[in-house]
Every structure is written in structure tokens, then in C-alpha cells.
Amino acid sequence: MDDFEAFLNDQLQDPEFKREWDASQLEFDITELLISARQEQHITQKELAAKTGIRQSNLSRIERGQCKPDLTTLQKIAIGLGKRLQIQFI
């Protein structure tokens, strides 16, 4: 276990910190999925922008976690990647 993991595990014992961490986890997961799906297809943000009609600058902001995409935007991105958006409660 590295220093960050040890620090994080310690911080996660604080209920308020854990609540905030858990709340941000979904946004992080979505960002990671978008980046990896785009990179798997070897396309740039500019190419994805052309396929989706979403400005490249907005795709960049989404991938950097600076804005939260709504469901319509996620659907456009999924279609642009040749994928289907699926949401599940697990």
C-alpha cells in the first residue's frame, strides 16, 4: 500500500469525508469510461466532436471533470462512439 492509499483509507474513516468521496465517485467513473472508450477507438476529441455535434472544448471539459454531462450529452457521446448508453442500479 502506498502513502496515498494509506492516507485515503485513514480519511475514509471520517463519515463526512466518505460521504463526499462517494458522491464524487460516480463523476470520476463516468469520466474514466468516456476517456477509455474514446481512446480504445483511437479517435481524438476533435473527431468525436464531429461525430456528436458537441464542441471539442466541451468534450475536453467533461474529460477533465470540469463539467457534468447530462443524460442527453452522454447519449450523444455514446452514439458517437458507436455504443449504447445503459444505466443500472446495482
PDB file of N, CA and C in Angstrom:
ATOM      1  N   MET A   1       0.849  -1.173   0.000  1.00  0.00           N
ATOM      2  CA  MET A   1       0.000   0.000   0.000  1.00  0.00           C
ATOM      3  C   MET A   1       0.902   1.247   0.000  1.00  0.00           C
ATOM      4  N   ASP A   2       0.635   2.150  -0.940  1.00  0.00           N
ATOM      5  CA  ASP A   2       1.449   3.363  -0.996  1.00  0.00           C
ATOM      6  C   ASP A   2       0.930   4.416  -0.018  1.00  0.00           C
ATOM      7  N   ASP A   3       1.646   5.518   0.055  1.00  0.00           N
ATOM      8  CA  ASP A   3       1.297   6.572   1.014  1.00  0.00           C
ATOM      9  C   ASP A   3      -0.096   7.143   0.764  1.00  0.00           C
ATOM     10  N   PHE A   4      -0.449   7.339  -0.519  1.00  0.00           N
ATOM     11  CA  PHE A   4      -1.763   7.897  -0.818  1.00  0.00           C
ATOM     12  C   PHE A   4      -2.871   6.956  -0.375  1.00  0.00           C
ATOM     13  N   GLU A   5      -2.734   5.663  -0.659  1.00  0.00           N
ATOM     14  CA  GLU A   5      -3.756   4.693  -0.257  1.00  0.00           C
ATOM     15  C   GLU A   5      -3.909   4.665   1.255  1.00  0.00           C
ATOM     16  N   ALA A   6      -2.796   4.727   1.969  1.00  0.00           N
ATOM     17  CA  ALA A   6      -2.854   4.739   3.435  1.00  0.00           C
ATOM     18  C   ALA A   6      -3.564   6.008   3.917  1.00  0.00           C
ATOM     19  N   PHE A   7      -3.214   7.135   3.318  1.00  0.00           N
ATOM     20  CA  PHE A   7      -3.858   8.398   3.683  1.00  0.00           C
ATOM     21  C   PHE A   7      -5.350   8.339   3.380  1.00  0.00           C
ATOM     22  N   LEU A   8      -5.696   7.850   2.188  1.00  0.00           N
ATOM     23  CA  LEU A   8      -7.103   7.777   1.791  1.00  0.00           C
ATOM     24  C   LEU A   8      -7.882   6.858   2.726  1.00  0.00           C
ATOM     25  N   ASN A   9      -7.345   5.705   3.022  1.00  0.00           N
ATOM     26  CA  ASN A   9      -8.026   4.780   3.934  1.00  0.00           C
ATOM     27  C   ASN A   9      -8.262   5.427   5.297  1.00  0.00           C
ATOM     28  N   ASP A  10      -7.295   6.206   5.744  1.00  0.00           N
ATOM     29  CA  ASP A  10      -7.447   6.912   7.015  1.00  0.00           C
ATOM     30  C   ASP A  10      -8.560   7.954   6.912  1.00  0.00           C
ATOM     31  N   GLN A  11      -8.571   8.720   5.831  1.00  0.00           N
ATOM     32  CA  GLN A  11      -9.583   9.757   5.638  1.00  0.00           C
ATOM     33  C   GLN A  11     -10.981   9.163   5.489  1.00  0.00           C
ATOM     34  N   LEU A  12     -11.081   8.004   4.874  1.00  0.00           N
ATOM     35  CA  LEU A  12     -12.387   7.378   4.653  1.00  0.00           C
ATOM     36  C   LEU A  12     -13.047   6.919   5.952  1.00  0.00           C
ATOM     37  N   GLN A  13     -12.313   6.953   7.035  1.00  0.00           N
ATOM     38  CA  GLN A  13     -12.902   6.624   8.331  1.00  0.00           C
ATOM     39  C   GLN A  13     -13.788   7.768   8.839  1.00  0.00           C
ATOM     40  N   ASP A  14     -13.551   8.959   8.314  1.00  0.00           N
ATOM     41  CA  ASP A  14     -14.365  10.130   8.666  1.00  0.00           C
ATOM     42  C   ASP A  14     -15.649  10.070   7.843  1.00  0.00           C
ATOM     43  N   PRO A  15     -16.828   9.943   8.490  1.00  0.00           N
ATOM     44  CA  PRO A  15     -18.091   9.797   7.754  1.00  0.00           C
ATOM     45  C   PRO A  15     -18.374  10.939   6.774  1.00  0.00           C
ATOM     46  N   GLU A  16     -18.035  12.167   7.141  1.00  0.00           N
ATOM     47  CA  GLU A  16     -18.282  13.299   6.240  1.00  0.00           C
ATOM     48  C   GLU A  16     -17.394  13.211   5.001  1.00  0.00           C
ATOM     49  N   PHE A  17     -16.128  12.888   5.188  1.00  0.00           N
ATOM     50  CA  PHE A  17     -15.214  12.724   4.053  1.00  0.00           C
ATOM     51  C   PHE A  17     -15.682  11.589   3.157  1.00  0.00           C
ATOM     52  N   LYS A  18     -16.072  10.466   3.765  1.00  0.00           N
ATOM     53  CA  LYS A  18     -16.519   9.315   2.987  1.00  0.00           C
ATOM     54  C   LYS A  18     -17.754   9.654   2.162  1.00  0.00           C
ATOM     55  N   ARG A  19     -18.670  10.407   2.723  1.00  0.00           N
ATOM     56  CA  ARG A  19     -19.882  10.815   2.015  1.00  0.00           C
ATOM     57  C   ARG A  19     -19.513  11.645   0.777  1.00  0.00           C
ATOM     58  N   GLU A  20     -18.593  12.591   0.944  1.00  0.00           N
ATOM     59  CA  GLU A  20     -18.144  13.426  -0.184  1.00  0.00           C
ATOM     60  C   GLU A  20     -17.393  12.593  -1.217  1.00  0.00           C
ATOM     61  N   TRP A  21     -16.554  11.697  -0.746  1.00  0.00           N
ATOM     62  CA  TRP A  21     -15.794  10.821  -1.649  1.00  0.00           C
ATOM     63  C   TRP A  21     -16.748   9.967  -2.475  1.00  0.00           C
ATOM     64  N   ASP A  22     -17.712   9.360  -1.819  1.00  0.00           N
ATOM     65  CA  ASP A  22     -18.677   8.514  -2.520  1.00  0.00           C
ATOM     66  C   ASP A  22     -19.501   9.318  -3.522  1.00  0.00           C
ATOM     67  N   ALA A  23     -19.854  10.541  -3.178  1.00  0.00           N
ATOM     68  CA  ALA A  23     -20.642  11.387  -4.071  1.00  0.00           C
ATOM     69  C   ALA A  23     -19.870  11.734  -5.335  1.00  0.00           C
ATOM     70  N   SER A  24     -18.573  11.895  -5.236  1.00  0.00           N
ATOM     71  CA  SER A  24     -17.767  12.252  -6.410  1.00  0.00           C
ATOM     72  C   SER A  24     -17.344  11.027  -7.218  1.00  0.00           C
ATOM     73  N   GLN A  25     -17.513   9.846  -6.680  1.00  0.00           N
ATOM     74  CA  GLN A  25     -17.057   8.639  -7.357  1.00  0.00           C
ATOM     75  C   GLN A  25     -17.777   8.412  -8.681  1.00  0.00           C
ATOM     76  N   LEU A  26     -19.068   8.671  -8.750  1.00  0.00           N
ATOM     77  CA  LEU A  26     -19.817   8.492  -9.990  1.00  0.00           C
ATOM     78  C   LEU A  26     -19.265   9.388 -11.097  1.00  0.00           C
ATOM     79  N   GLU A  27     -19.004  10.638 -10.776  1.00  0.00           N
ATOM     80  CA  GLU A  27     -18.445  11.561 -11.771  1.00  0.00           C
ATOM     81  C   GLU A  27     -17.087  11.067 -12.265  1.00  0.00           C
ATOM     82  N   PHE A  28     -16.256  10.598 -11.356  1.00  0.00           N
ATOM     83  CA  PHE A  28     -14.942  10.070 -11.732  1.00  0.00           C
ATOM     84  C   PHE A  28     -15.100   8.852 -12.638  1.00  0.00           C
ATOM     85  N   ASP A  29     -16.009   7.954 -12.292  1.00  0.00           N
ATOM     86  CA  ASP A  29     -16.230   6.744 -13.092  1.00  0.00           C
ATOM     87  C   ASP A  29     -16.698   7.086 -14.506  1.00  0.00           C
ATOM     88  N   ILE A  30     -17.610   8.047 -14.622  1.00  0.00           N
ATOM     89  CA  ILE A  30     -18.103   8.452 -15.941  1.00  0.00           C
ATOM     90  C   ILE A  30     -16.967   9.034 -16.769  1.00  0.00           C
ATOM     91  N   THR A  31     -16.175   9.889 -16.156  1.00  0.00           N
ATOM     92  CA  THR A  31     -15.037  10.489 -16.852  1.00  0.00           C
ATOM     93  C   THR A  31     -14.085   9.407 -17.355  1.00  0.00           C
ATOM     94  N   GLU A  32     -13.757   8.465 -16.507  1.00  0.00           N
ATOM     95  CA  GLU A  32     -12.846   7.381 -16.892  1.00  0.00           C
ATOM     96  C   GLU A  32     -13.421   6.546 -18.036  1.00  0.00           C
ATOM     97  N   LEU A  33     -14.716   6.246 -17.974  1.00  0.00           N
ATOM     98  CA  LEU A  33     -15.353   5.471 -19.040  1.00  0.00           C
ATOM     99  C   LEU A  33     -15.322   6.208 -20.375  1.00  0.00           C
ATOM    100  N   LEU A  34     -15.596   7.503 -20.351  1.00  0.00           N
ATOM    101  CA  LEU A  34     -15.588   8.288 -21.586  1.00  0.00           C
ATOM    102  C   LEU A  34     -14.196   8.330 -22.204  1.00  0.00           C
ATOM    103  N   ILE A  35     -13.203   8.603 -21.391  1.00  0.00           N
ATOM    104  CA  ILE A  35     -11.836   8.684 -21.902  1.00  0.00           C
ATOM    105  C   ILE A  35     -11.394   7.341 -22.467  1.00  0.00           C
ATOM    106  N   SER A  36     -11.619   6.274 -21.733  1.00  0.00           N
ATOM    107  CA  SER A  36     -11.153   4.962 -22.203  1.00  0.00           C
ATOM    108  C   SER A  36     -11.907   4.515 -23.447  1.00  0.00           C
ATOM    109  N   ALA A  37     -13.210   4.797 -23.539  1.00  0.00           N
ATOM    110  CA  ALA A  37     -13.976   4.415 -24.733  1.00  0.00           C
ATOM    111  C   ALA A  37     -13.470   5.168 -25.960  1.00  0.00           C
ATOM    112  N   ARG A  38     -13.168   6.443 -25.792  1.00  0.00           N
ATOM    113  CA  ARG A  38     -12.661   7.237 -26.915  1.00  0.00           C
ATOM    114  C   ARG A  38     -11.273   6.764 -27.319  1.00  0.00           C
ATOM    115  N   GLN A  39     -10.417   6.508 -26.358  1.00  0.00           N
ATOM    116  CA  GLN A  39      -9.056   6.077 -26.661  1.00  0.00           C
ATOM    117  C   GLN A  39      -9.016   4.677 -27.265  1.00  0.00           C
ATOM    118  N   GLU A  40      -9.930   3.802 -26.845  1.00  0.00           N
ATOM    119  CA  GLU A  40      -9.998   2.456 -27.430  1.00  0.00           C
ATOM    120  C   GLU A  40     -10.253   2.513 -28.934  1.00  0.00           C
ATOM    121  N   GLN A  41     -10.991   3.535 -29.352  1.00  0.00           N
ATOM    122  CA  GLN A  41     -11.313   3.683 -30.767  1.00  0.00           C
ATOM    123  C   GLN A  41     -10.278   4.525 -31.503  1.00  0.00           C
ATOM    124  N   HIS A  42      -9.267   4.973 -30.789  1.00  0.00           N
ATOM    125  CA  HIS A  42      -8.174   5.756 -31.367  1.00  0.00           C
ATOM    126  C   HIS A  42      -8.694   6.992 -32.097  1.00  0.00           C
ATOM    127  N   ILE A  43      -9.638   7.688 -31.455  1.00  0.00           N
ATOM    128  CA  ILE A  43     -10.141   8.928 -32.032  1.00  0.00           C
ATOM    129  C   ILE A  43      -9.855  10.085 -31.081  1.00  0.00           C
ATOM    130  N   THR A  44      -9.674  11.234 -31.661  1.00  0.00           N
ATOM    131  CA  THR A  44      -9.389  12.425 -30.879  1.00  0.00           C
ATOM    132  C   THR A  44     -10.701  13.053 -30.404  1.00  0.00           C
ATOM    133  N   GLN A  45     -10.569  13.994 -29.493  1.00  0.00           N
ATOM    134  CA  GLN A  45     -11.747  14.743 -29.065  1.00  0.00           C
ATOM    135  C   GLN A  45     -12.350  15.484 -30.253  1.00  0.00           C
ATOM    136  N   LYS A  46     -11.500  15.995 -31.131  1.00  0.00           N
ATOM    137  CA  LYS A  46     -11.982  16.717 -32.307  1.00  0.00           C
ATOM    138  C   LYS A  46     -12.810  15.801 -33.202  1.00  0.00           C
ATOM    139  N   GLU A  47     -12.348  14.573 -33.393  1.00  0.00           N
ATOM    140  CA  GLU A  47     -13.098  13.615 -34.215  1.00  0.00           C
ATOM    141  C   GLU A  47     -14.423  13.245 -33.549  1.00  0.00           C
ATOM    142  N   LEU A  48     -14.403  13.061 -32.228  1.00  0.00           N
ATOM    143  CA  LEU A  48     -15.636  12.749 -31.510  1.00  0.00           C
ATOM    144  C   LEU A  48     -16.595  13.936 -31.567  1.00  0.00           C
ATOM    145  N   ALA A  49     -16.062  15.126 -31.496  1.00  0.00           N
ATOM    146  CA  ALA A  49     -16.897  16.324 -31.599  1.00  0.00           C
ATOM    147  C   ALA A  49     -17.631  16.350 -32.936  1.00  0.00           C
ATOM    148  N   ALA A  50     -16.934  16.000 -34.006  1.00  0.00           N
ATOM    149  CA  ALA A  50     -17.555  15.985 -35.337  1.00  0.00           C
ATOM    150  C   ALA A  50     -18.667  14.937 -35.414  1.00  0.00           C
ATOM    151  N   LYS A  51     -18.488  13.822 -34.718  1.00  0.00           N
ATOM    152  CA  LYS A  51     -19.483  12.755 -34.745  1.00  0.00           C
ATOM    153  C   LYS A  51     -20.697  13.049 -33.868  1.00  0.00           C
ATOM    154  N   THR A  52     -20.512  13.877 -32.853  1.00  0.00           N
ATOM    155  CA  THR A  52     -21.582  14.096 -31.869  1.00  0.00           C
ATOM    156  C   THR A  52     -22.261  15.456 -31.977  1.00  0.00           C
ATOM    157  N   GLY A  53     -21.582  16.404 -32.585  1.00  0.00           N
ATOM    158  CA  GLY A  53     -22.113  17.767 -32.594  1.00  0.00           C
ATOM    159  C   GLY A  53     -21.834  18.513 -31.303  1.00  0.00           C
ATOM    160  N   ILE A  54     -21.027  17.916 -30.443  1.00  0.00           N
ATOM    161  CA  ILE A  54     -20.629  18.551 -29.184  1.00  0.00           C
ATOM    162  C   ILE A  54     -19.277  19.208 -29.421  1.00  0.00           C
ATOM    163  N   ARG A  55     -19.128  20.441 -29.012  1.00  0.00           N
ATOM    164  CA  ARG A  55     -17.864  21.132 -29.240  1.00  0.00           C
ATOM    165  C   ARG A  55     -16.710  20.397 -28.563  1.00  0.00           C
ATOM    166  N   GLN A  56     -15.566  20.418 -29.224  1.00  0.00           N
ATOM    167  CA  GLN A  56     -14.377  19.760 -28.680  1.00  0.00           C
ATOM    168  C   GLN A  56     -14.026  20.332 -27.319  1.00  0.00           C
ATOM    169  N   SER A  57     -14.188  21.629 -27.149  1.00  0.00           N
ATOM    170  CA  SER A  57     -13.863  22.249 -25.867  1.00  0.00           C
ATOM    171  C   SER A  57     -14.764  21.716 -24.752  1.00  0.00           C
ATOM    172  N   ASN A  58     -16.008  21.427 -25.085  1.00  0.00           N
ATOM    173  CA  ASN A  58     -16.915  20.858 -24.080  1.00  0.00           C
ATOM    174  C   ASN A  58     -16.533  19.418 -23.759  1.00  0.00           C
ATOM    175  N   LEU A  59     -16.136  18.649 -24.776  1.00  0.00           N
ATOM    176  CA  LEU A  59     -15.666  17.278 -24.516  1.00  0.00           C
ATOM    177  C   LEU A  59     -14.435  17.310 -23.613  1.00  0.00           C
ATOM    178  N   SER A  60     -13.554  18.257 -23.855  1.00  0.00           N
ATOM    179  CA  SER A  60     -12.365  18.393 -23.028  1.00  0.00           C
ATOM    180  C   SER A  60     -12.738  18.706 -21.580  1.00  0.00           C
ATOM    181  N   ARG A  61     -13.673  19.612 -21.391  1.00  0.00           N
ATOM    182  CA  ARG A  61     -14.117  19.957 -20.035  1.00  0.00           C
ATOM    183  C   ARG A  61     -14.737  18.757 -19.336  1.00  0.00           C
ATOM    184  N   ILE A  62     -15.501  17.964 -20.076  1.00  0.00           N
ATOM    185  CA  ILE A  62     -16.105  16.756 -19.497  1.00  0.00           C
ATOM    186  C   ILE A  62     -15.007  15.785 -19.079  1.00  0.00           C
ATOM    187  N   GLU A  63     -14.032  15.563 -19.973  1.00  0.00           N
ATOM    188  CA  GLU A  63     -12.960  14.604 -19.670  1.00  0.00           C
ATOM    189  C   GLU A  63     -12.068  15.078 -18.529  1.00  0.00           C
ATOM    190  N   ARG A  64     -11.958  16.367 -18.320  1.00  0.00           N
ATOM    191  CA  ARG A  64     -11.156  16.892 -17.208  1.00  0.00           C
ATOM    192  C   ARG A  64     -11.958  16.969 -15.917  1.00  0.00           C
ATOM    193  N   GLY A  65     -13.247  16.637 -15.987  1.00  0.00           N
ATOM    194  CA  GLY A  65     -14.087  16.672 -14.796  1.00  0.00           C
ATOM    195  C   GLY A  65     -14.511  18.077 -14.419  1.00  0.00           C
ATOM    196  N   GLN A  66     -14.443  19.009 -15.351  1.00  0.00           N
ATOM    197  CA  GLN A  66     -14.807  20.386 -15.053  1.00  0.00           C
ATOM    198  C   GLN A  66     -16.284  20.676 -15.277  1.00  0.00           C
ATOM    199  N   CYS A  67     -16.986  19.764 -15.917  1.00  0.00           N
ATOM    200  CA  CYS A  67     -18.435  19.910 -16.045  1.00  0.00           C
ATOM    201  C   CYS A  67     -19.065  18.526 -16.030  1.00  0.00           C
ATOM    202  N   LYS A  68     -20.318  18.503 -15.651  1.00  0.00           N
ATOM    203  CA  LYS A  68     -21.049  17.243 -15.551  1.00  0.00           C
ATOM    204  C   LYS A  68     -21.972  17.122 -16.763  1.00  0.00           C
ATOM    205  N   PRO A  69     -21.774  16.092 -17.572  1.00  0.00           N
ATOM    206  CA  PRO A  69     -22.657  15.934 -18.730  1.00  0.00           C
ATOM    207  C   PRO A  69     -24.047  15.462 -18.304  1.00  0.00           C
ATOM    208  N   ASP A  70     -25.075  15.989 -18.966  1.00  0.00           N
ATOM    209  CA  ASP A  70     -26.424  15.496 -18.683  1.00  0.00           C
ATOM    210  C   ASP A  70     -26.660  14.220 -19.498  1.00  0.00           C
ATOM    211  N   LEU A  71     -27.807  13.614 -19.302  1.00  0.00           N
ATOM    212  CA  LEU A  71     -28.083  12.340 -19.974  1.00  0.00           C
ATOM    213  C   LEU A  71     -28.131  12.487 -21.490  1.00  0.00           C
ATOM    214  N   THR A  72     -28.640  13.597 -21.976  1.00  0.00           N
ATOM    215  CA  THR A  72     -28.689  13.819 -23.423  1.00  0.00           C
ATOM    216  C   THR A  72     -27.279  13.875 -23.998  1.00  0.00           C
ATOM    217  N   THR A  73     -26.386  14.556 -23.321  1.00  0.00           N
ATOM    218  CA  THR A  73     -24.996  14.640 -23.770  1.00  0.00           C
ATOM    219  C   THR A  73     -24.327  13.277 -23.724  1.00  0.00           C
ATOM    220  N   LEU A  74     -24.556  12.531 -22.658  1.00  0.00           N
ATOM    221  CA  LEU A  74     -23.986  11.179 -22.560  1.00  0.00           C
ATOM    222  C   LEU A  74     -24.506  10.293 -23.691  1.00  0.00           C
ATOM    223  N   GLN A  75     -25.779  10.442 -24.022  1.00  0.00           N
ATOM    224  CA  GLN A  75     -26.362   9.658 -25.118  1.00  0.00           C
ATOM    225  C   GLN A  75     -25.698  10.017 -26.442  1.00  0.00           C
ATOM    226  N   LYS A  76     -25.487  11.302 -26.707  1.00  0.00           N
ATOM    227  CA  LYS A  76     -24.823  11.735 -27.935  1.00  0.00           C
ATOM    228  C   LYS A  76     -23.404  11.173 -28.018  1.00  0.00           C
ATOM    229  N   ILE A  77     -22.706  11.195 -26.901  1.00  0.00           N
ATOM    230  CA  ILE A  77     -21.342  10.667 -26.870  1.00  0.00           C
ATOM    231  C   ILE A  77     -21.358   9.158 -27.135  1.00  0.00           C
ATOM    232  N   ALA A  78     -22.275   8.455 -26.492  1.00  0.00           N
ATOM    233  CA  ALA A  78     -22.381   7.008 -26.700  1.00  0.00           C
ATOM    234  C   ALA A  78     -22.623   6.693 -28.173  1.00  0.00           C
ATOM    235  N   ILE A  79     -23.557   7.397 -28.795  1.00  0.00           N
ATOM    236  CA  ILE A  79     -23.852   7.167 -30.213  1.00  0.00           C
ATOM    237  C   ILE A  79     -22.626   7.497 -31.064  1.00  0.00           C
ATOM    238  N   GLY A  80     -21.958   8.590 -30.757  1.00  0.00           N
ATOM    239  CA  GLY A  80     -20.753   8.969 -31.485  1.00  0.00           C
ATOM    240  C   GLY A  80     -19.649   7.940 -31.380  1.00  0.00           C
ATOM    241  N   LEU A  81     -19.644   7.199 -30.288  1.00  0.00           N
ATOM    242  CA  LEU A  81     -18.654   6.140 -30.083  1.00  0.00           C
ATOM    243  C   LEU A  81     -19.138   4.787 -30.595  1.00  0.00           C
ATOM    244  N   GLY A  82     -20.344   4.783 -31.162  1.00  0.00           N
ATOM    245  CA  GLY A  82     -20.902   3.524 -31.651  1.00  0.00           C
ATOM    246  C   GLY A  82     -21.336   2.611 -30.523  1.00  0.00           C
ATOM    247  N   LYS A  83     -21.680   3.205 -29.410  1.00  0.00           N
ATOM    248  CA  LYS A  83     -22.076   2.432 -28.235  1.00  0.00           C
ATOM    249  C   LYS A  83     -23.493   2.801 -27.830  1.00  0.00           C
ATOM    250  N   ARG A  84     -23.978   2.103 -26.833  1.00  0.00           N
ATOM    251  CA  ARG A  84     -25.309   2.343 -26.289  1.00  0.00           C
ATOM    252  C   ARG A  84     -25.158   2.730 -24.834  1.00  0.00           C
ATOM    253  N   LEU A  85     -25.855   3.784 -24.439  1.00  0.00           N
ATOM    254  CA  LEU A  85     -25.820   4.216 -23.040  1.00  0.00           C
ATOM    255  C   LEU A  85     -26.737   3.305 -22.230  1.00  0.00           C
ATOM    256  N   GLN A  86     -26.222   2.781 -21.138  1.00  0.00           N
ATOM    257  CA  GLN A  86     -27.003   1.922 -20.258  1.00  0.00           C
ATOM    258  C   GLN A  86     -26.777   2.360 -18.828  1.00  0.00           C
ATOM    259  N   ILE A  87     -27.863   2.559 -18.110  1.00  0.00           N
ATOM    260  CA  ILE A  87     -27.775   2.968 -16.712  1.00  0.00           C
ATOM    261  C   ILE A  87     -28.419   1.875 -15.869  1.00  0.00           C
ATOM    262  N   GLN A  88     -27.728   1.484 -14.800  1.00  0.00           N
ATOM    263  CA  GLN A  88     -28.243   0.408 -13.953  1.00  0.00           C
ATOM    264  C   GLN A  88     -28.139   0.797 -12.485  1.00  0.00           C
ATOM    265  N   PHE A  89     -29.053   0.294 -11.709  1.00  0.00           N
ATOM    266  CA  PHE A  89     -28.928   0.331 -10.260  1.00  0.00           C
ATOM    267  C   PHE A  89     -28.384  -1.026  -9.860  1.00  0.00           C
ATOM    268  N   ILE A  90     -27.245  -1.011  -9.166  1.00  0.00           N
ATOM    269  CA  ILE A  90     -26.647  -2.295  -8.753  1.00  0.00           C
ATOM    270  C   ILE A  90     -26.409  -2.295  -7.267  1.00  0.00           C
TER     271      ILE A  90
END
